[in-house]
């Protein structure tokens, strides 16, 4: 089923997209318009470049995807934008990685896997596992403690 990855930014995210592509082969990505083109070229998948501060850009790019993988950076203001984008999307499964603990608004979402991690590589196996499952229930996975 189609998966969209929101906010890949670096080589570690490019590795995740490579792994997802081997597992899923219908990868879409939504990239900030502030990312340099040479970095964007490293990302596998159908690319949409836009404004990560506009939830409507994210929800529109997510159209037709089953699973959304949201990579929250240390910019905490992304959280509210991502939440609104999810509410306005047709996504059926959400995998969210963040260096921060989830809010109640997030843990109340259906089919949300919330991964607390400051080490992106450490979260790859968890992301791949939950993306590949037939069914998921809301769960918080803490890779820090």
N, C-alpha and C. Protein backbone atom coordinates (compact mmCIF):
# COMPACT_ATOMS: atom_id res chain seq x y z
N UNK A 1 0.84 -1.17 0.00
CA UNK A 1 0.00 0.00 0.00
C UNK A 1 0.89 1.24 0.00
N UNK A 2 0.47 2.29 -0.64
CA UNK A 2 1.29 3.50 -0.75
C UNK A 2 1.62 4.10 0.62
N UNK A 3 2.86 4.55 0.74
CA UNK A 3 3.32 5.20 1.96
C UNK A 3 3.93 6.55 1.59
N UNK A 4 3.67 7.55 2.42
CA UNK A 4 4.29 8.85 2.22
C UNK A 4 5.12 9.19 3.45
N UNK A 5 6.31 9.69 3.20
CA UNK A 5 7.22 10.10 4.27
C UNK A 5 7.28 11.63 4.26
N UNK A 6 6.93 12.21 5.38
CA UNK A 6 6.88 13.66 5.52
C UNK A 6 8.13 14.14 6.25
N UNK A 7 8.86 15.05 5.65
CA UNK A 7 9.99 15.76 6.24
C UNK A 7 11.30 15.00 6.29
N UNK A 8 11.65 14.22 5.26
CA UNK A 8 13.01 13.69 5.24
C UNK A 8 13.98 14.85 5.01
N UNK A 9 15.12 14.79 5.68
CA UNK A 9 16.03 15.94 5.60
C UNK A 9 17.49 15.59 5.37
N UNK A 10 17.89 14.34 5.63
CA UNK A 10 19.33 14.05 5.61
C UNK A 10 19.61 12.65 5.07
N UNK A 11 20.89 12.28 5.11
CA UNK A 11 21.31 10.98 4.58
C UNK A 11 20.70 9.81 5.35
N UNK A 12 20.47 9.98 6.64
CA UNK A 12 19.85 8.91 7.43
C UNK A 12 18.41 8.69 6.95
N UNK A 13 17.71 9.76 6.67
CA UNK A 13 16.35 9.64 6.12
C UNK A 13 16.40 9.01 4.73
N UNK A 14 17.42 9.34 3.94
CA UNK A 14 17.57 8.72 2.61
C UNK A 14 17.74 7.21 2.75
N UNK A 15 18.48 6.75 3.77
CA UNK A 15 18.64 5.32 4.03
C UNK A 15 17.30 4.68 4.36
N UNK A 16 16.51 5.35 5.20
CA UNK A 16 15.18 4.84 5.54
C UNK A 16 14.33 4.69 4.28
N UNK A 17 14.35 5.68 3.42
CA UNK A 17 13.55 5.62 2.19
C UNK A 17 14.01 4.47 1.29
N UNK A 18 15.31 4.21 1.24
CA UNK A 18 15.81 3.06 0.48
C UNK A 18 15.24 1.76 1.03
N UNK A 19 15.26 1.62 2.36
CA UNK A 19 14.73 0.41 3.00
C UNK A 19 13.22 0.30 2.77
N UNK A 20 12.51 1.40 2.88
CA UNK A 20 11.06 1.39 2.63
C UNK A 20 10.77 0.99 1.19
N UNK A 21 11.59 1.49 0.27
CA UNK A 21 11.39 1.17 -1.14
C UNK A 21 11.56 -0.32 -1.41
N UNK A 22 12.50 -0.95 -0.74
CA UNK A 22 12.67 -2.40 -0.89
C UNK A 22 11.47 -3.16 -0.33
N UNK A 23 10.89 -2.62 0.73
CA UNK A 23 9.77 -3.28 1.40
C UNK A 23 8.44 -2.98 0.73
N UNK A 24 8.25 -1.78 0.25
CA UNK A 24 6.93 -1.34 -0.19
C UNK A 24 6.86 -1.05 -1.68
N UNK A 25 7.81 -0.38 -2.23
CA UNK A 25 7.92 -0.02 -3.65
C UNK A 25 6.86 0.95 -4.14
N UNK A 26 6.13 1.58 -3.23
CA UNK A 26 5.24 2.69 -3.60
C UNK A 26 5.46 3.80 -2.58
N UNK A 27 6.61 4.45 -2.72
CA UNK A 27 7.04 5.45 -1.76
C UNK A 27 6.82 6.85 -2.34
N UNK A 28 6.23 7.68 -1.51
CA UNK A 28 6.05 9.09 -1.83
C UNK A 28 6.70 9.89 -0.72
N UNK A 29 7.18 11.05 -1.05
CA UNK A 29 7.78 11.89 -0.01
C UNK A 29 7.34 13.34 -0.17
N UNK A 30 7.22 14.00 0.95
CA UNK A 30 6.94 15.44 0.96
C UNK A 30 8.12 16.10 1.64
N UNK A 31 8.81 16.95 0.89
CA UNK A 31 10.07 17.55 1.32
C UNK A 31 9.89 19.06 1.45
N UNK A 32 10.54 19.62 2.45
CA UNK A 32 10.53 21.07 2.64
C UNK A 32 11.16 21.76 1.44
N UNK A 33 10.59 22.88 1.06
CA UNK A 33 11.16 23.66 -0.03
C UNK A 33 12.46 24.36 0.39
N UNK A 34 12.89 24.14 1.63
CA UNK A 34 14.16 24.70 2.11
C UNK A 34 15.32 23.72 1.96
N UNK A 35 15.04 22.49 1.55
CA UNK A 35 16.08 21.47 1.35
C UNK A 35 16.72 21.69 -0.01
N UNK A 36 18.04 21.61 -0.06
CA UNK A 36 18.78 21.82 -1.30
C UNK A 36 18.52 20.69 -2.30
N UNK A 37 18.54 21.04 -3.58
CA UNK A 37 18.24 20.07 -4.64
C UNK A 37 19.15 18.86 -4.63
N UNK A 38 20.44 19.03 -4.33
CA UNK A 38 21.35 17.88 -4.33
C UNK A 38 20.96 16.88 -3.23
N UNK A 39 20.40 17.36 -2.15
CA UNK A 39 19.92 16.49 -1.07
C UNK A 39 18.63 15.79 -1.51
N UNK A 40 17.75 16.54 -2.15
CA UNK A 40 16.47 15.99 -2.62
C UNK A 40 16.70 14.84 -3.59
N UNK A 41 17.71 14.95 -4.43
CA UNK A 41 18.01 13.91 -5.42
C UNK A 41 18.38 12.58 -4.78
N UNK A 42 18.86 12.59 -3.54
CA UNK A 42 19.24 11.37 -2.84
C UNK A 42 18.04 10.57 -2.35
N UNK A 43 16.88 11.21 -2.29
CA UNK A 43 15.69 10.56 -1.76
C UNK A 43 14.98 9.75 -2.83
N UNK A 44 14.65 8.50 -2.49
CA UNK A 44 13.92 7.60 -3.38
C UNK A 44 12.44 7.87 -3.23
N UNK A 45 11.71 7.83 -4.33
CA UNK A 45 10.26 7.94 -4.28
C UNK A 45 9.74 9.09 -5.13
N UNK A 46 8.43 9.15 -5.22
CA UNK A 46 7.78 10.25 -5.92
C UNK A 46 7.83 11.47 -5.00
N UNK A 47 8.42 12.54 -5.49
CA UNK A 47 8.71 13.69 -4.64
C UNK A 47 7.73 14.84 -4.84
N UNK A 48 7.32 15.40 -3.72
CA UNK A 48 6.57 16.65 -3.72
C UNK A 48 7.35 17.60 -2.81
N UNK A 49 7.62 18.77 -3.31
CA UNK A 49 8.37 19.77 -2.55
C UNK A 49 7.42 20.91 -2.23
N UNK A 50 7.38 21.30 -0.95
CA UNK A 50 6.45 22.35 -0.58
C UNK A 50 6.72 22.92 0.80
N UNK A 51 5.76 23.64 1.28
CA UNK A 51 5.84 24.36 2.54
C UNK A 51 5.41 23.47 3.70
N UNK A 52 6.36 23.10 4.55
CA UNK A 52 6.06 22.24 5.70
C UNK A 52 5.31 22.98 6.80
N UNK A 53 5.14 24.27 6.66
CA UNK A 53 4.38 25.02 7.66
C UNK A 53 2.91 25.14 7.27
N UNK A 54 2.54 24.56 6.14
CA UNK A 54 1.16 24.63 5.64
C UNK A 54 0.57 23.22 5.63
N UNK A 55 -0.32 22.95 6.58
CA UNK A 55 -0.89 21.61 6.71
C UNK A 55 -1.64 21.17 5.46
N UNK A 56 -2.21 22.11 4.71
CA UNK A 56 -2.95 21.74 3.50
C UNK A 56 -2.02 21.19 2.42
N UNK A 57 -0.78 21.67 2.36
CA UNK A 57 0.18 21.13 1.40
C UNK A 57 0.48 19.66 1.74
N UNK A 58 0.64 19.38 3.04
CA UNK A 58 0.97 18.02 3.48
C UNK A 58 -0.21 17.08 3.26
N UNK A 59 -1.41 17.51 3.66
CA UNK A 59 -2.57 16.63 3.50
C UNK A 59 -2.88 16.38 2.03
N UNK A 60 -2.69 17.37 1.18
CA UNK A 60 -2.90 17.18 -0.26
C UNK A 60 -1.89 16.20 -0.83
N UNK A 61 -0.62 16.35 -0.45
CA UNK A 61 0.42 15.43 -0.93
C UNK A 61 0.16 14.00 -0.44
N UNK A 62 -0.51 13.85 0.69
CA UNK A 62 -0.80 12.54 1.27
C UNK A 62 -1.96 11.81 0.60
N UNK A 63 -2.67 12.50 -0.25
CA UNK A 63 -3.83 11.91 -0.90
C UNK A 63 -3.46 10.62 -1.63
N UNK A 64 -4.19 9.56 -1.35
CA UNK A 64 -3.96 8.27 -2.00
C UNK A 64 -2.99 7.37 -1.25
N UNK A 65 -2.31 7.91 -0.25
CA UNK A 65 -1.38 7.08 0.54
C UNK A 65 -2.15 6.41 1.68
N UNK A 66 -1.74 5.23 2.04
CA UNK A 66 -2.36 4.50 3.15
C UNK A 66 -1.66 4.84 4.47
N UNK A 67 -0.35 4.87 4.44
CA UNK A 67 0.46 5.10 5.64
C UNK A 67 1.24 6.40 5.50
N UNK A 68 1.25 7.18 6.55
CA UNK A 68 2.05 8.40 6.59
C UNK A 68 3.12 8.27 7.65
N UNK A 69 4.36 8.50 7.27
CA UNK A 69 5.48 8.50 8.21
C UNK A 69 5.89 9.96 8.41
N UNK A 70 5.70 10.44 9.62
CA UNK A 70 5.99 11.83 9.93
C UNK A 70 7.28 11.89 10.75
N UNK A 71 8.27 12.61 10.23
CA UNK A 71 9.54 12.76 10.91
C UNK A 71 9.57 14.16 11.51
N UNK A 72 9.31 14.22 12.81
CA UNK A 72 9.28 15.51 13.50
C UNK A 72 10.70 15.90 13.88
N UNK A 73 11.09 17.09 13.50
CA UNK A 73 12.42 17.57 13.84
C UNK A 73 12.38 18.21 15.23
N UNK A 74 13.46 18.82 15.60
CA UNK A 74 13.49 19.49 16.90
C UNK A 74 12.72 20.80 16.88
N UNK A 75 12.17 21.16 15.74
CA UNK A 75 11.33 22.35 15.61
C UNK A 75 9.92 21.97 16.09
N UNK A 76 9.63 22.25 17.34
CA UNK A 76 8.40 21.78 17.98
C UNK A 76 7.13 22.34 17.32
N UNK A 77 7.23 23.45 16.61
CA UNK A 77 6.04 24.01 15.96
C UNK A 77 5.52 23.12 14.84
N UNK A 78 6.34 22.18 14.37
CA UNK A 78 5.88 21.25 13.33
C UNK A 78 4.72 20.40 13.82
N UNK A 79 4.69 20.14 15.09
CA UNK A 79 3.70 19.23 15.65
C UNK A 79 2.28 19.65 15.31
N UNK A 80 1.94 20.89 15.54
CA UNK A 80 0.56 21.34 15.28
C UNK A 80 0.23 21.28 13.79
N UNK A 81 1.20 21.59 12.95
CA UNK A 81 0.98 21.51 11.50
C UNK A 81 0.76 20.06 11.08
N UNK A 82 1.59 19.17 11.57
CA UNK A 82 1.45 17.75 11.23
C UNK A 82 0.11 17.19 11.71
N UNK A 83 -0.31 17.56 12.91
CA UNK A 83 -1.59 17.08 13.44
C UNK A 83 -2.74 17.53 12.55
N UNK A 84 -2.74 18.78 12.16
CA UNK A 84 -3.81 19.29 11.28
C UNK A 84 -3.78 18.58 9.92
N UNK A 85 -2.58 18.35 9.41
CA UNK A 85 -2.45 17.64 8.13
C UNK A 85 -3.04 16.24 8.22
N UNK A 86 -2.78 15.56 9.32
CA UNK A 86 -3.32 14.20 9.51
C UNK A 86 -4.83 14.25 9.59
N UNK A 87 -5.37 15.20 10.35
CA UNK A 87 -6.82 15.31 10.49
C UNK A 87 -7.50 15.54 9.15
N UNK A 88 -6.83 16.25 8.25
CA UNK A 88 -7.41 16.59 6.95
C UNK A 88 -7.00 15.63 5.84
N UNK A 89 -6.36 14.53 6.20
CA UNK A 89 -5.91 13.57 5.20
C UNK A 89 -6.79 12.32 5.23
N UNK A 90 -6.52 11.44 4.29
CA UNK A 90 -7.22 10.15 4.26
C UNK A 90 -6.31 9.02 4.74
N UNK A 91 -5.20 9.35 5.39
CA UNK A 91 -4.25 8.35 5.87
C UNK A 91 -4.92 7.41 6.87
N UNK A 92 -4.63 6.11 6.74
CA UNK A 92 -5.21 5.10 7.62
C UNK A 92 -4.25 4.64 8.71
N UNK A 93 -2.96 4.90 8.53
CA UNK A 93 -1.95 4.52 9.52
C UNK A 93 -0.94 5.66 9.61
N UNK A 94 -0.58 6.00 10.83
CA UNK A 94 0.39 7.07 11.06
C UNK A 94 1.56 6.49 11.85
N UNK A 95 2.75 6.71 11.34
CA UNK A 95 3.96 6.38 12.07
C UNK A 95 4.69 7.71 12.27
N UNK A 96 4.90 8.07 13.52
CA UNK A 96 5.44 9.38 13.85
C UNK A 96 6.71 9.19 14.65
N UNK A 97 7.80 9.77 14.21
CA UNK A 97 9.05 9.72 14.98
C UNK A 97 9.35 11.12 15.48
N UNK A 98 9.82 11.18 16.71
CA UNK A 98 10.06 12.48 17.34
C UNK A 98 11.06 12.34 18.48
N UNK A 99 11.80 13.41 18.74
CA UNK A 99 12.65 13.41 19.94
C UNK A 99 11.86 13.75 21.20
N UNK A 100 10.57 14.05 21.04
CA UNK A 100 9.73 14.48 22.15
C UNK A 100 8.64 13.45 22.47
N UNK A 101 8.16 13.49 23.70
CA UNK A 101 7.04 12.64 24.11
C UNK A 101 5.77 13.09 23.36
N UNK A 102 4.84 12.15 23.16
CA UNK A 102 3.61 12.51 22.45
C UNK A 102 2.66 13.32 23.33
N UNK A 103 1.85 14.13 22.67
CA UNK A 103 0.78 14.84 23.37
C UNK A 103 -0.44 13.93 23.42
N UNK A 104 -1.38 14.27 24.27
CA UNK A 104 -2.62 13.49 24.36
C UNK A 104 -3.37 13.52 23.04
N UNK A 105 -3.30 14.64 22.35
CA UNK A 105 -3.97 14.75 21.05
C UNK A 105 -3.43 13.70 20.08
N UNK A 106 -2.17 13.40 20.18
CA UNK A 106 -1.59 12.37 19.31
C UNK A 106 -1.97 10.97 19.76
N UNK A 107 -1.84 10.69 21.04
CA UNK A 107 -2.13 9.33 21.50
C UNK A 107 -3.61 8.98 21.40
N UNK A 108 -4.47 9.96 21.18
CA UNK A 108 -5.88 9.69 20.97
C UNK A 108 -6.19 9.29 19.52
N UNK A 109 -5.20 9.43 18.62
CA UNK A 109 -5.42 9.09 17.21
C UNK A 109 -5.46 7.58 17.04
N UNK A 110 -6.29 7.13 16.11
CA UNK A 110 -6.36 5.71 15.78
C UNK A 110 -5.17 5.33 14.90
N UNK A 111 -4.70 4.10 15.09
CA UNK A 111 -3.65 3.53 14.25
C UNK A 111 -2.39 4.39 14.17
N UNK A 112 -2.00 4.95 15.31
CA UNK A 112 -0.81 5.77 15.41
C UNK A 112 0.30 5.01 16.13
N UNK A 113 1.43 4.93 15.50
CA UNK A 113 2.63 4.40 16.14
C UNK A 113 3.52 5.60 16.37
N UNK A 114 3.79 5.89 17.62
CA UNK A 114 4.59 7.06 17.99
C UNK A 114 5.92 6.56 18.53
N UNK A 115 7.00 6.94 17.85
CA UNK A 115 8.33 6.48 18.22
C UNK A 115 9.11 7.65 18.80
N UNK A 116 9.49 7.53 20.07
CA UNK A 116 10.31 8.55 20.70
C UNK A 116 11.76 8.13 20.53
N UNK A 117 12.52 8.94 19.78
CA UNK A 117 13.91 8.58 19.51
C UNK A 117 14.70 9.82 19.11
N UNK A 118 15.91 9.88 19.60
CA UNK A 118 16.83 10.94 19.18
C UNK A 118 17.83 10.39 18.16
N UNK A 119 17.81 9.08 17.95
CA UNK A 119 18.70 8.41 17.02
C UNK A 119 17.86 7.87 15.87
N UNK A 120 17.89 8.56 14.73
CA UNK A 120 17.05 8.18 13.60
C UNK A 120 17.31 6.75 13.13
N UNK A 121 18.57 6.34 13.09
CA UNK A 121 18.87 4.98 12.62
C UNK A 121 18.24 3.92 13.51
N UNK A 122 18.21 4.18 14.80
CA UNK A 122 17.62 3.25 15.74
C UNK A 122 16.13 3.05 15.46
N UNK A 123 15.48 4.06 14.94
CA UNK A 123 14.04 3.97 14.68
C UNK A 123 13.70 3.26 13.37
N UNK A 124 14.68 3.05 12.48
CA UNK A 124 14.39 2.45 11.17
C UNK A 124 13.70 1.10 11.26
N UNK A 125 14.22 0.20 12.08
CA UNK A 125 13.62 -1.14 12.17
C UNK A 125 12.19 -1.08 12.69
N UNK A 126 11.94 -0.17 13.64
CA UNK A 126 10.59 -0.03 14.18
C UNK A 126 9.65 0.49 13.11
N UNK A 127 10.09 1.48 12.37
CA UNK A 127 9.28 2.05 11.28
C UNK A 127 8.96 0.97 10.26
N UNK A 128 9.96 0.24 9.82
CA UNK A 128 9.76 -0.81 8.82
C UNK A 128 8.83 -1.90 9.32
N UNK A 129 8.97 -2.27 10.58
CA UNK A 129 8.11 -3.30 11.17
C UNK A 129 6.65 -2.86 11.14
N UNK A 130 6.36 -1.69 11.64
CA UNK A 130 4.97 -1.24 11.72
C UNK A 130 4.39 -0.89 10.36
N UNK A 131 5.21 -0.41 9.44
CA UNK A 131 4.72 -0.11 8.10
C UNK A 131 4.31 -1.39 7.39
N UNK A 132 5.00 -2.48 7.68
CA UNK A 132 4.74 -3.74 6.99
C UNK A 132 3.64 -4.59 7.60
N UNK A 133 3.14 -4.23 8.75
CA UNK A 133 2.11 -5.03 9.42
C UNK A 133 0.75 -4.85 8.75
N UNK A 134 -0.04 -5.90 8.79
CA UNK A 134 -1.40 -5.83 8.23
C UNK A 134 -2.28 -4.91 9.07
N UNK A 135 -2.14 -4.98 10.39
CA UNK A 135 -2.96 -4.15 11.27
C UNK A 135 -2.10 -3.63 12.41
N UNK A 136 -2.44 -2.44 12.88
CA UNK A 136 -1.76 -1.87 14.04
C UNK A 136 -2.78 -1.21 14.95
N UNK A 137 -2.41 -1.11 16.21
CA UNK A 137 -3.19 -0.33 17.16
C UNK A 137 -2.29 0.78 17.67
N UNK A 138 -2.87 1.83 18.18
CA UNK A 138 -2.09 2.95 18.69
C UNK A 138 -1.12 2.46 19.75
N UNK A 139 0.13 2.86 19.60
CA UNK A 139 1.18 2.40 20.49
C UNK A 139 2.29 3.44 20.56
N UNK A 140 2.89 3.60 21.71
CA UNK A 140 4.06 4.47 21.89
C UNK A 140 5.28 3.57 22.10
N UNK A 141 6.30 3.79 21.30
CA UNK A 141 7.54 3.04 21.40
C UNK A 141 8.63 4.01 21.83
N UNK A 142 9.15 3.81 23.03
CA UNK A 142 10.17 4.71 23.57
C UNK A 142 11.54 4.09 23.37
N UNK A 143 12.32 4.67 22.47
CA UNK A 143 13.68 4.17 22.20
C UNK A 143 14.73 4.96 22.96
N UNK A 144 14.31 5.85 23.82
CA UNK A 144 15.25 6.65 24.62
C UNK A 144 15.48 5.99 25.96
N UNK A 145 14.42 5.52 26.60
CA UNK A 145 14.54 4.91 27.94
C UNK A 145 14.43 3.40 27.86
